[in-house]
Structure formats: C-alpha cells, structure tokens
C-alpha cells in the first residue's frame, strides 16, 4: 500500500469519510420506502387538516391555514397517527411482520397514538379549564393572568382517520 502513497492513517480516515458521503446522498433517502411513506403521510394529513379548516370555518385567514399546515396539533385527521402507522406499515412490508424492527415500530405507534388520544387530549382539556378559571378570577380580583398553552389532543375518529390514511399511503408507496 505504501507504494500507492496510502498510509494507514489515510486509509483509516478516507474510507469512513467516503462511506459517510454515500450515506448522506439525498437519493438514498428518497428511495427509502419507509422514509417516503412517513413524509407523504405527514404532509398529506397536515394538508387534509388545513383543507378541512378552510372548508368548515366561516372566516379563516391565510395565517391560520399556514399555521395548520406547518405546526398546529389536533384536528382531523391525526397526523401523528398517520405518521406512525405509515412507518409501522412500511417496515412491516419491507422487513416482515416477524422482524424485531416491525415489533418496535408497532409498539412505538401504539404509544404515540395513545398519547395523542389520551394524555395530550386530557392535558389540553385541563389547560382549557385552568384558563377559564384563571380568566374569571383575574377579572373578578383585577389581577393579571397569563393563560397556559392549550395542547390539542385527538378524538377517536381523528386517530382512526389518520391511521387509515397512514396505512394506505404506506401501501401505495410500497406497491407503486
């Protein structure tokens, strides 16, 4: 190897660098069915949510539509459920239902869905009650009150709709 001008240090530093550059190639990521189904399900659910807000609200501004598209939680369909369902489904298709990574993704999906429907929803309802109480007390006693953030969880139909969306998007990505 020394006759080609490669030292041991050069070999140890150049080969990992070349492998890292290959791994960071964007086309590798885009060709990954699990990644693509996850991205498509997340964006499709958020787009559907923004479309539903646009069609069901009487007066909606562009700011509300963009906030729904980009970061608002809660609402129909659940983008959390769509995302984790599409990941678990894609992994099931690509790695098999008996694989360890499918089992991990399946139970991860259950935890995320349960959290979206249970814990986050309960926290949001409690925050709303605290804000109502705080506002009433602040008005009555003439003291300042800063409301807490109300986190929007999901109802059962929102979770089901998101899960169905995620499953079919993963199915489409894997079969097409």
N, C-alpha and C. Protein backbone atom coordinates (compact mmCIF):
# COMPACT_ATOMS: atom_id res chain seq x y z
N UNK A 1 0.80 -1.19 0.00
CA UNK A 1 0.00 0.00 0.00
C UNK A 1 0.85 1.26 0.00
N UNK A 2 2.00 1.20 0.61
CA UNK A 2 2.86 2.37 0.67
C UNK A 2 3.32 2.79 -0.71
N UNK A 3 3.41 1.82 -1.64
CA UNK A 3 3.83 2.17 -2.99
C UNK A 3 2.79 3.02 -3.73
N UNK A 4 1.54 2.98 -3.30
CA UNK A 4 0.50 3.81 -3.91
C UNK A 4 0.32 5.14 -3.20
N UNK A 5 1.11 5.39 -2.19
CA UNK A 5 1.05 6.66 -1.47
C UNK A 5 0.00 6.68 -0.38
N UNK A 6 -0.57 5.53 -0.03
CA UNK A 6 -1.58 5.48 1.02
C UNK A 6 -0.95 5.01 2.32
N UNK A 7 -1.08 5.79 3.34
CA UNK A 7 -0.59 5.38 4.65
C UNK A 7 -1.76 4.79 5.43
N UNK A 8 -1.46 4.17 6.52
CA UNK A 8 -2.50 3.57 7.35
C UNK A 8 -3.47 4.64 7.85
N UNK A 9 -2.98 5.80 8.23
CA UNK A 9 -3.83 6.88 8.72
C UNK A 9 -4.74 7.38 7.60
N UNK A 10 -4.21 7.52 6.39
CA UNK A 10 -5.02 7.97 5.27
C UNK A 10 -6.14 6.98 4.98
N UNK A 11 -5.83 5.70 5.05
CA UNK A 11 -6.85 4.68 4.80
C UNK A 11 -7.92 4.74 5.88
N UNK A 12 -7.52 4.88 7.13
CA UNK A 12 -8.48 4.91 8.23
C UNK A 12 -9.36 6.16 8.22
N UNK A 13 -8.88 7.25 7.66
CA UNK A 13 -9.70 8.47 7.62
C UNK A 13 -10.48 8.61 6.34
N UNK A 14 -9.94 8.18 5.22
CA UNK A 14 -10.61 8.36 3.93
C UNK A 14 -11.79 7.41 3.73
N UNK A 15 -11.65 6.16 4.10
CA UNK A 15 -12.73 5.19 3.86
C UNK A 15 -13.99 5.56 4.65
N UNK A 16 -13.91 5.85 5.96
CA UNK A 16 -15.13 6.27 6.65
C UNK A 16 -15.74 7.54 6.07
N UNK A 17 -14.92 8.46 5.62
CA UNK A 17 -15.42 9.70 5.02
C UNK A 17 -16.18 9.40 3.74
N UNK A 18 -15.66 8.50 2.92
CA UNK A 18 -16.35 8.13 1.69
C UNK A 18 -17.68 7.45 2.00
N UNK A 19 -17.71 6.58 3.00
CA UNK A 19 -18.95 5.91 3.39
C UNK A 19 -19.96 6.92 3.92
N UNK A 20 -19.51 7.89 4.69
CA UNK A 20 -20.39 8.92 5.22
C UNK A 20 -21.00 9.74 4.08
N UNK A 21 -20.20 10.08 3.08
CA UNK A 21 -20.70 10.84 1.95
C UNK A 21 -21.74 10.05 1.17
N UNK A 22 -21.54 8.74 1.03
CA UNK A 22 -22.52 7.90 0.36
C UNK A 22 -23.82 7.88 1.13
N UNK A 23 -23.73 7.75 2.45
CA UNK A 23 -24.92 7.66 3.28
C UNK A 23 -25.70 8.96 3.26
N UNK A 24 -25.02 10.07 3.08
CA UNK A 24 -25.69 11.36 3.09
C UNK A 24 -26.25 11.76 1.73
N UNK A 25 -26.08 10.93 0.74
CA UNK A 25 -26.60 11.20 -0.58
C UNK A 25 -28.12 11.23 -0.51
N UNK A 26 -28.71 12.31 -0.95
CA UNK A 26 -30.16 12.52 -0.85
C UNK A 26 -30.96 11.47 -1.60
N UNK A 27 -30.43 10.98 -2.68
CA UNK A 27 -31.19 9.98 -3.44
C UNK A 27 -31.38 8.70 -2.66
N UNK A 28 -30.45 8.36 -1.80
CA UNK A 28 -30.59 7.17 -0.96
C UNK A 28 -31.78 7.34 -0.02
N UNK A 29 -31.91 8.52 0.54
CA UNK A 29 -33.01 8.78 1.46
C UNK A 29 -34.34 8.77 0.72
N UNK A 30 -34.39 9.41 -0.43
CA UNK A 30 -35.64 9.50 -1.19
C UNK A 30 -36.10 8.13 -1.68
N UNK A 31 -35.18 7.24 -1.96
CA UNK A 31 -35.55 5.91 -2.42
C UNK A 31 -35.97 4.98 -1.28
N UNK A 32 -35.84 5.43 -0.04
CA UNK A 32 -36.23 4.62 1.11
C UNK A 32 -37.75 4.67 1.25
N UNK A 33 -38.40 3.51 1.10
CA UNK A 33 -39.86 3.45 1.15
C UNK A 33 -40.42 3.86 2.51
N UNK A 34 -39.73 3.52 3.58
CA UNK A 34 -40.21 3.89 4.92
C UNK A 34 -40.16 5.41 5.08
N UNK A 35 -39.07 6.02 4.66
CA UNK A 35 -38.94 7.47 4.75
C UNK A 35 -40.00 8.17 3.89
N UNK A 36 -40.16 7.71 2.66
CA UNK A 36 -41.11 8.36 1.76
C UNK A 36 -42.55 8.23 2.25
N UNK A 37 -42.93 7.05 2.74
CA UNK A 37 -44.30 6.91 3.23
C UNK A 37 -44.53 7.75 4.47
N UNK A 38 -43.50 7.88 5.32
CA UNK A 38 -43.62 8.72 6.51
C UNK A 38 -43.81 10.19 6.13
N UNK A 39 -42.98 10.68 5.23
CA UNK A 39 -43.07 12.08 4.80
C UNK A 39 -44.40 12.35 4.10
N UNK A 40 -44.78 11.47 3.19
CA UNK A 40 -46.04 11.66 2.46
C UNK A 40 -47.25 11.62 3.38
N UNK A 41 -47.25 10.71 4.34
CA UNK A 41 -48.40 10.62 5.24
C UNK A 41 -48.48 11.84 6.16
N UNK A 42 -47.34 12.32 6.62
CA UNK A 42 -47.34 13.50 7.48
C UNK A 42 -47.86 14.73 6.72
N UNK A 43 -47.31 14.96 5.54
CA UNK A 43 -47.74 16.13 4.76
C UNK A 43 -49.17 16.00 4.25
N UNK A 44 -49.58 14.80 3.87
CA UNK A 44 -50.96 14.61 3.40
C UNK A 44 -51.96 14.86 4.53
N UNK A 45 -51.65 14.35 5.72
CA UNK A 45 -52.55 14.57 6.86
C UNK A 45 -52.62 16.05 7.22
N UNK A 46 -51.48 16.74 7.24
CA UNK A 46 -51.49 18.16 7.56
C UNK A 46 -52.23 18.97 6.48
N UNK A 47 -52.05 18.58 5.21
CA UNK A 47 -52.76 19.27 4.13
C UNK A 47 -54.26 19.04 4.25
N UNK A 48 -54.67 17.80 4.54
CA UNK A 48 -56.10 17.49 4.71
C UNK A 48 -56.67 18.27 5.88
N UNK A 49 -55.89 18.39 6.95
CA UNK A 49 -56.33 19.15 8.12
C UNK A 49 -56.54 20.62 7.77
N UNK A 50 -55.61 21.19 7.02
CA UNK A 50 -55.74 22.59 6.61
C UNK A 50 -56.92 22.78 5.67
N UNK A 51 -57.14 21.83 4.79
CA UNK A 51 -58.28 21.89 3.86
C UNK A 51 -59.60 21.82 4.62
N UNK A 52 -59.67 20.97 5.62
CA UNK A 52 -60.89 20.86 6.44
C UNK A 52 -61.14 22.15 7.21
N UNK A 53 -60.09 22.75 7.75
CA UNK A 53 -60.24 24.04 8.45
C UNK A 53 -60.74 25.09 7.47
N UNK A 54 -60.19 25.10 6.27
CA UNK A 54 -60.59 26.08 5.26
C UNK A 54 -62.06 25.91 4.87
N UNK A 55 -62.50 24.67 4.71
CA UNK A 55 -63.87 24.41 4.26
C UNK A 55 -64.91 24.53 5.37
N UNK A 56 -64.52 24.31 6.63
CA UNK A 56 -65.50 24.32 7.71
C UNK A 56 -65.56 25.63 8.49
N UNK A 57 -64.55 26.46 8.38
CA UNK A 57 -64.55 27.74 9.10
C UNK A 57 -65.13 28.82 8.22
N UNK A 58 -65.95 29.65 8.83
CA UNK A 58 -66.58 30.73 8.07
C UNK A 58 -65.57 31.80 7.68
N UNK A 59 -64.75 32.20 8.63
CA UNK A 59 -63.78 33.26 8.36
C UNK A 59 -62.40 32.73 8.76
N UNK A 60 -61.61 32.39 7.78
CA UNK A 60 -60.29 31.85 8.05
C UNK A 60 -59.26 32.65 7.24
N UNK A 61 -58.17 32.98 7.91
CA UNK A 61 -57.14 33.75 7.24
C UNK A 61 -56.00 32.88 6.76
N UNK A 62 -55.16 33.45 5.95
CA UNK A 62 -54.02 32.74 5.41
C UNK A 62 -53.06 32.32 6.53
N UNK A 63 -52.99 33.15 7.58
CA UNK A 63 -52.12 32.83 8.72
C UNK A 63 -52.58 31.54 9.41
N UNK A 64 -53.88 31.39 9.59
CA UNK A 64 -54.41 30.18 10.23
C UNK A 64 -54.19 28.94 9.36
N UNK A 65 -54.32 29.09 8.06
CA UNK A 65 -54.09 27.96 7.15
C UNK A 65 -52.64 27.52 7.22
N UNK A 66 -51.70 28.47 7.18
CA UNK A 66 -50.29 28.12 7.25
C UNK A 66 -49.90 27.54 8.61
N UNK A 67 -50.48 28.06 9.68
CA UNK A 67 -50.16 27.50 10.99
C UNK A 67 -50.69 26.08 11.11
N UNK A 68 -51.84 25.80 10.50
CA UNK A 68 -52.37 24.43 10.49
C UNK A 68 -51.48 23.53 9.65
N UNK A 69 -51.03 24.02 8.51
CA UNK A 69 -50.16 23.23 7.64
C UNK A 69 -48.84 22.90 8.29
N UNK A 70 -48.27 23.84 9.03
CA UNK A 70 -46.90 23.69 9.49
C UNK A 70 -46.74 23.16 10.91
N UNK A 71 -47.57 23.58 11.86
CA UNK A 71 -47.26 23.16 13.23
C UNK A 71 -48.44 22.98 14.16
N UNK A 72 -49.65 23.24 13.76
CA UNK A 72 -50.77 23.10 14.68
C UNK A 72 -51.08 21.63 14.93
N UNK A 73 -51.33 21.29 16.20
CA UNK A 73 -51.66 19.92 16.56
C UNK A 73 -53.15 19.80 16.79
N UNK A 74 -53.63 18.57 16.80
CA UNK A 74 -55.06 18.32 16.98
C UNK A 74 -55.80 18.46 15.67
N UNK A 75 -57.03 18.04 15.65
CA UNK A 75 -57.86 18.16 14.46
C UNK A 75 -57.91 16.90 13.62
N UNK A 76 -58.75 16.96 12.61
CA UNK A 76 -58.99 15.82 11.72
C UNK A 76 -58.17 15.97 10.46
N UNK A 77 -57.47 14.95 10.04
CA UNK A 77 -57.11 13.69 10.70
C UNK A 77 -55.87 13.87 11.56
N UNK A 78 -55.58 12.89 12.38
CA UNK A 78 -54.39 12.94 13.24
C UNK A 78 -53.15 12.67 12.40
N UNK A 79 -52.29 13.67 12.28
CA UNK A 79 -51.05 13.48 11.52
C UNK A 79 -50.06 12.60 12.30
N UNK A 80 -50.15 12.64 13.64
CA UNK A 80 -49.32 11.74 14.45
C UNK A 80 -49.66 10.29 14.13
N UNK A 81 -50.95 9.98 14.10
CA UNK A 81 -51.39 8.61 13.81
C UNK A 81 -51.03 8.21 12.38
N UNK A 82 -51.21 9.13 11.45
CA UNK A 82 -50.86 8.83 10.05
C UNK A 82 -49.37 8.53 9.93
N UNK A 83 -48.55 9.32 10.58
CA UNK A 83 -47.10 9.15 10.50
C UNK A 83 -46.65 7.81 11.07
N UNK A 84 -47.03 7.52 12.31
CA UNK A 84 -46.53 6.29 12.94
C UNK A 84 -47.15 5.04 12.33
N UNK A 85 -48.38 5.14 11.84
CA UNK A 85 -48.99 3.99 11.17
C UNK A 85 -48.30 3.71 9.85
N UNK A 86 -47.96 4.76 9.11
CA UNK A 86 -47.27 4.55 7.84
C UNK A 86 -45.87 3.99 8.06
N UNK A 87 -45.19 4.42 9.11
CA UNK A 87 -43.86 3.89 9.41
C UNK A 87 -43.96 2.40 9.75
N UNK A 88 -44.88 2.05 10.65
CA UNK A 88 -45.02 0.64 11.04
C UNK A 88 -45.45 -0.22 9.85
N UNK A 89 -46.36 0.28 9.04
CA UNK A 89 -46.82 -0.48 7.87
C UNK A 89 -45.68 -0.67 6.87
N UNK A 90 -44.94 0.38 6.59
CA UNK A 90 -43.82 0.29 5.65
C UNK A 90 -42.76 -0.69 6.14
N UNK A 91 -42.46 -0.61 7.42
CA UNK A 91 -41.48 -1.54 7.98
C UNK A 91 -42.01 -2.97 7.92
N UNK A 92 -43.30 -3.13 8.15
CA UNK A 92 -43.90 -4.46 8.03
C UNK A 92 -43.76 -5.02 6.63
N UNK A 93 -43.98 -4.17 5.63
CA UNK A 93 -43.82 -4.60 4.23
C UNK A 93 -42.36 -4.89 3.89
N UNK A 94 -41.46 -4.02 4.32
CA UNK A 94 -40.07 -4.16 3.90
C UNK A 94 -39.27 -5.18 4.72
N UNK A 95 -39.54 -5.25 6.01
CA UNK A 95 -38.74 -6.14 6.87
C UNK A 95 -39.49 -7.39 7.31
N UNK A 96 -40.78 -7.39 7.12
CA UNK A 96 -41.58 -8.55 7.53
C UNK A 96 -42.23 -8.34 8.89
N UNK A 97 -43.38 -8.95 9.07
CA UNK A 97 -44.12 -8.79 10.32
C UNK A 97 -43.45 -9.49 11.50
N UNK A 98 -42.55 -10.41 11.22
CA UNK A 98 -41.87 -11.11 12.31
C UNK A 98 -40.53 -10.48 12.69
N UNK A 99 -40.19 -9.35 12.07
CA UNK A 99 -38.90 -8.71 12.36
C UNK A 99 -38.95 -7.93 13.66
N UNK A 100 -37.80 -7.78 14.26
CA UNK A 100 -37.68 -7.01 15.50
C UNK A 100 -38.02 -5.54 15.27
N UNK A 101 -37.60 -5.01 14.15
CA UNK A 101 -37.84 -3.59 13.88
C UNK A 101 -39.33 -3.32 13.66
N UNK A 102 -40.06 -4.29 13.10
CA UNK A 102 -41.52 -4.10 12.98
C UNK A 102 -42.16 -4.09 14.36
N UNK A 103 -41.76 -5.02 15.22
CA UNK A 103 -42.33 -5.05 16.57
C UNK A 103 -42.07 -3.72 17.29
N UNK A 104 -40.87 -3.22 17.16
CA UNK A 104 -40.53 -1.93 17.77
C UNK A 104 -41.41 -0.81 17.20
N UNK A 105 -41.52 -0.74 15.88
CA UNK A 105 -42.32 0.32 15.26
C UNK A 105 -43.80 0.19 15.58
N UNK A 106 -44.29 -1.03 15.70
CA UNK A 106 -45.70 -1.26 16.03
C UNK A 106 -46.02 -0.73 17.43
N UNK A 107 -45.18 -1.09 18.41
CA UNK A 107 -45.45 -0.64 19.77
C UNK A 107 -45.15 0.84 19.96
N UNK A 108 -44.20 1.36 19.21
CA UNK A 108 -43.96 2.81 19.19
C UNK A 108 -45.21 3.53 18.68
N UNK A 109 -45.81 2.99 17.62
CA UNK A 109 -47.04 3.58 17.07
C UNK A 109 -48.16 3.57 18.10
N UNK A 110 -48.30 2.46 18.81
CA UNK A 110 -49.35 2.38 19.83
C UNK A 110 -49.15 3.42 20.93
N UNK A 111 -47.91 3.62 21.35
CA UNK A 111 -47.63 4.61 22.39
C UNK A 111 -47.94 6.02 21.90
N UNK A 112 -47.53 6.34 20.68
CA UNK A 112 -47.78 7.68 20.13
C UNK A 112 -49.28 7.93 19.97
N UNK A 113 -50.00 6.93 19.45
CA UNK A 113 -51.44 7.09 19.26
C UNK A 113 -52.15 7.22 20.61
N UNK A 114 -51.77 6.43 21.56
CA UNK A 114 -52.37 6.51 22.90
C UNK A 114 -52.08 7.86 23.53
N UNK A 115 -50.88 8.35 23.34
CA UNK A 115 -50.53 9.66 23.88
C UNK A 115 -51.34 10.76 23.22
N UNK A 116 -51.49 10.70 21.91
CA UNK A 116 -52.24 11.73 21.18
C UNK A 116 -53.71 11.75 21.60
N UNK A 117 -54.26 10.57 21.84
CA UNK A 117 -55.67 10.47 22.16
C UNK A 117 -55.93 10.61 23.66
N UNK A 118 -55.00 10.19 24.48
CA UNK A 118 -55.24 10.19 25.91
C UNK A 118 -54.57 11.32 26.65
N UNK A 119 -53.26 11.24 26.78
CA UNK A 119 -52.52 12.18 27.62
C UNK A 119 -52.61 13.61 27.09
N UNK A 120 -52.31 13.80 25.79
CA UNK A 120 -52.34 15.17 25.25
C UNK A 120 -53.75 15.75 25.25
N UNK A 121 -54.74 14.93 24.97
CA UNK A 121 -56.12 15.41 24.98
C UNK A 121 -56.52 15.82 26.39
N UNK A 122 -56.21 14.99 27.38
CA UNK A 122 -56.54 15.31 28.77
C UNK A 122 -55.82 16.57 29.23
N UNK A 123 -54.55 16.70 28.87
CA UNK A 123 -53.78 17.89 29.25
C UNK A 123 -54.39 19.14 28.62
N UNK A 124 -54.83 19.03 27.37
CA UNK A 124 -55.46 20.16 26.70
C UNK A 124 -56.77 20.57 27.35
N UNK A 125 -57.57 19.58 27.73
CA UNK A 125 -58.84 19.88 28.40
C UNK A 125 -58.61 20.52 29.77
N UNK A 126 -57.61 20.03 30.50
CA UNK A 126 -57.29 20.63 31.79
C UNK A 126 -56.76 22.05 31.63
N UNK A 127 -55.94 22.27 30.61
CA UNK A 127 -55.42 23.62 30.36
C UNK A 127 -56.55 24.59 30.03
N UNK A 128 -57.52 24.12 29.25
CA UNK A 128 -58.67 24.97 28.91
C UNK A 128 -59.46 25.33 30.16
N UNK A 129 -59.67 24.36 31.05
CA UNK A 129 -60.40 24.62 32.29
C UNK A 129 -59.62 25.59 33.18
N UNK A 130 -58.30 25.42 33.27
CA UNK A 130 -57.48 26.34 34.05
C UNK A 130 -57.53 27.75 33.49
N UNK A 131 -57.50 27.87 32.17
CA UNK A 131 -57.56 29.20 31.55
C UNK A 131 -58.90 29.87 31.80
N UNK A 132 -59.98 29.12 31.74
CA UNK A 132 -61.30 29.68 32.03
C UNK A 132 -61.37 30.16 33.48
N UNK A 133 -60.92 29.32 34.39
CA UNK A 133 -60.92 29.68 35.80
C UNK A 133 -60.01 30.88 36.07
N UNK A 134 -58.82 30.86 35.51
CA UNK A 134 -57.87 31.96 35.70
C UNK A 134 -58.39 33.28 35.17
N UNK A 135 -59.05 33.24 34.02
CA UNK A 135 -59.61 34.46 33.44
C UNK A 135 -60.72 35.03 34.32
N UNK A 136 -61.58 34.15 34.82
CA UNK A 136 -62.67 34.61 35.70
C UNK A 136 -62.13 35.22 36.99
N UNK A 137 -61.15 34.56 37.60
CA UNK A 137 -60.56 35.07 38.84
C UNK A 137 -59.83 36.39 38.58
N UNK A 138 -59.12 36.48 37.46
CA UNK A 138 -58.39 37.71 37.12
C UNK A 138 -59.35 38.88 36.94
N UNK A 139 -60.49 38.63 36.28
CA UNK A 139 -61.48 39.70 36.09
C UNK A 139 -62.10 40.15 37.43
N UNK A 140 -62.41 39.16 38.24
CA UNK A 140 -63.09 39.46 39.50
C UNK A 140 -62.17 40.17 40.48
N UNK A 141 -60.90 39.74 40.56
CA UNK A 141 -59.98 40.31 41.53
C UNK A 141 -59.06 41.39 40.93
N UNK A 142 -59.22 41.65 39.63
CA UNK A 142 -58.41 42.66 38.93
C UNK A 142 -56.92 42.40 39.07
N UNK A 143 -56.53 41.16 38.78
CA UNK A 143 -55.13 40.78 38.81
C UNK A 143 -54.75 40.25 37.43
N UNK A 144 -53.47 40.37 37.06
CA UNK A 144 -53.07 39.86 35.74
C UNK A 144 -53.06 38.33 35.72
N UNK A 145 -53.40 37.79 34.57
CA UNK A 145 -53.38 36.33 34.38
C UNK A 145 -52.81 36.02 33.00
N UNK A 146 -51.85 35.13 32.97
CA UNK A 146 -51.26 34.69 31.71
C UNK A 146 -51.74 33.25 31.45
N UNK A 147 -52.52 33.04 30.40
CA UNK A 147 -53.05 31.71 30.14
C UNK A 147 -51.95 30.69 29.80
N UNK A 148 -52.19 29.45 30.16
CA UNK A 148 -51.27 28.36 29.81
C UNK A 148 -51.61 27.88 28.41
N UNK A 149 -50.64 27.23 27.75
CA UNK A 149 -50.85 26.74 26.40
C UNK A 149 -51.82 25.55 26.42
N UNK A 150 -52.80 25.62 25.55
CA UNK A 150 -53.76 24.53 25.43
C UNK A 150 -53.31 23.60 24.32
N UNK A 151 -52.89 22.41 24.70
CA UNK A 151 -52.43 21.41 23.74
C UNK A 151 -53.64 20.65 23.23
N UNK A 152 -53.74 20.54 21.91
CA UNK A 152 -54.88 19.83 21.34
C UNK A 152 -54.54 18.37 21.12
N UNK A 153 -55.27 17.51 21.78
CA UNK A 153 -55.14 16.08 21.53
C UNK A 153 -56.11 15.67 20.44
N UNK A 154 -56.33 14.39 20.29
CA UNK A 154 -57.21 13.89 19.23
C UNK A 154 -58.34 13.06 19.79
N UNK A 155 -59.45 13.08 19.07
CA UNK A 155 -60.57 12.22 19.39
C UNK A 155 -60.36 10.88 18.69
N UNK A 156 -61.16 9.89 19.06
CA UNK A 156 -61.03 8.57 18.46
C UNK A 156 -61.23 8.61 16.93
N UNK A 157 -62.26 9.29 16.40
CA UNK A 157 -62.40 9.34 14.94
C UNK A 157 -61.21 9.99 14.23
N UNK A 158 -60.60 11.00 14.83
CA UNK A 158 -59.43 11.65 14.23
C UNK A 158 -58.25 10.69 14.16
N UNK A 159 -58.07 9.89 15.20
CA UNK A 159 -56.99 8.91 15.24
C UNK A 159 -57.24 7.81 14.21
N UNK A 160 -58.48 7.34 14.12
CA UNK A 160 -58.81 6.29 13.14
C UNK A 160 -58.58 6.80 11.73
N UNK A 161 -59.03 8.02 11.44
CA UNK A 161 -58.85 8.59 10.10
C UNK A 161 -57.37 8.73 9.76
N UNK A 162 -56.57 9.20 10.70
CA UNK A 162 -55.14 9.32 10.47
C UNK A 162 -54.47 7.98 10.27
N UNK A 163 -54.86 6.99 11.05
CA UNK A 163 -54.28 5.65 10.93
C UNK A 163 -54.62 5.02 9.58
N UNK A 164 -55.86 5.17 9.15
CA UNK A 164 -56.26 4.63 7.84
C UNK A 164 -55.48 5.33 6.73
N UNK A 165 -55.35 6.64 6.84
CA UNK A 165 -54.59 7.40 5.85
C UNK A 165 -53.14 6.92 5.80
N UNK A 166 -52.51 6.77 6.95
CA UNK A 166 -51.13 6.32 7.02
C UNK A 166 -50.94 4.92 6.44
N UNK A 167 -51.88 4.02 6.72
CA UNK A 167 -51.79 2.66 6.19
C UNK A 167 -51.86 2.66 4.67
N UNK A 168 -52.82 3.38 4.11
CA UNK A 168 -52.98 3.36 2.66
C UNK A 168 -51.87 4.10 1.92
N UNK A 169 -51.33 5.13 2.53
CA UNK A 169 -50.18 5.81 1.91
C UNK A 169 -48.97 4.88 1.90
N UNK A 170 -48.73 4.18 2.99
CA UNK A 170 -47.61 3.22 3.03
C UNK A 170 -47.83 2.09 2.02
N UNK A 171 -49.06 1.63 1.90
CA UNK A 171 -49.40 0.59 0.93
C UNK A 171 -49.13 1.08 -0.49
N UNK A 172 -49.51 2.32 -0.77
CA UNK A 172 -49.29 2.89 -2.11
C UNK A 172 -47.79 3.05 -2.39
N UNK A 173 -47.04 3.55 -1.42
CA UNK A 173 -45.61 3.74 -1.62
C UNK A 173 -44.91 2.40 -1.84
N UNK A 174 -45.30 1.40 -1.09
CA UNK A 174 -44.63 0.11 -1.19
C UNK A 174 -44.99 -0.63 -2.47
N UNK A 175 -46.24 -0.50 -2.93
CA UNK A 175 -46.67 -1.27 -4.10
C UNK A 175 -46.43 -0.54 -5.42
N UNK A 176 -46.28 0.77 -5.39
CA UNK A 176 -46.10 1.50 -6.65
C UNK A 176 -44.65 1.66 -7.04
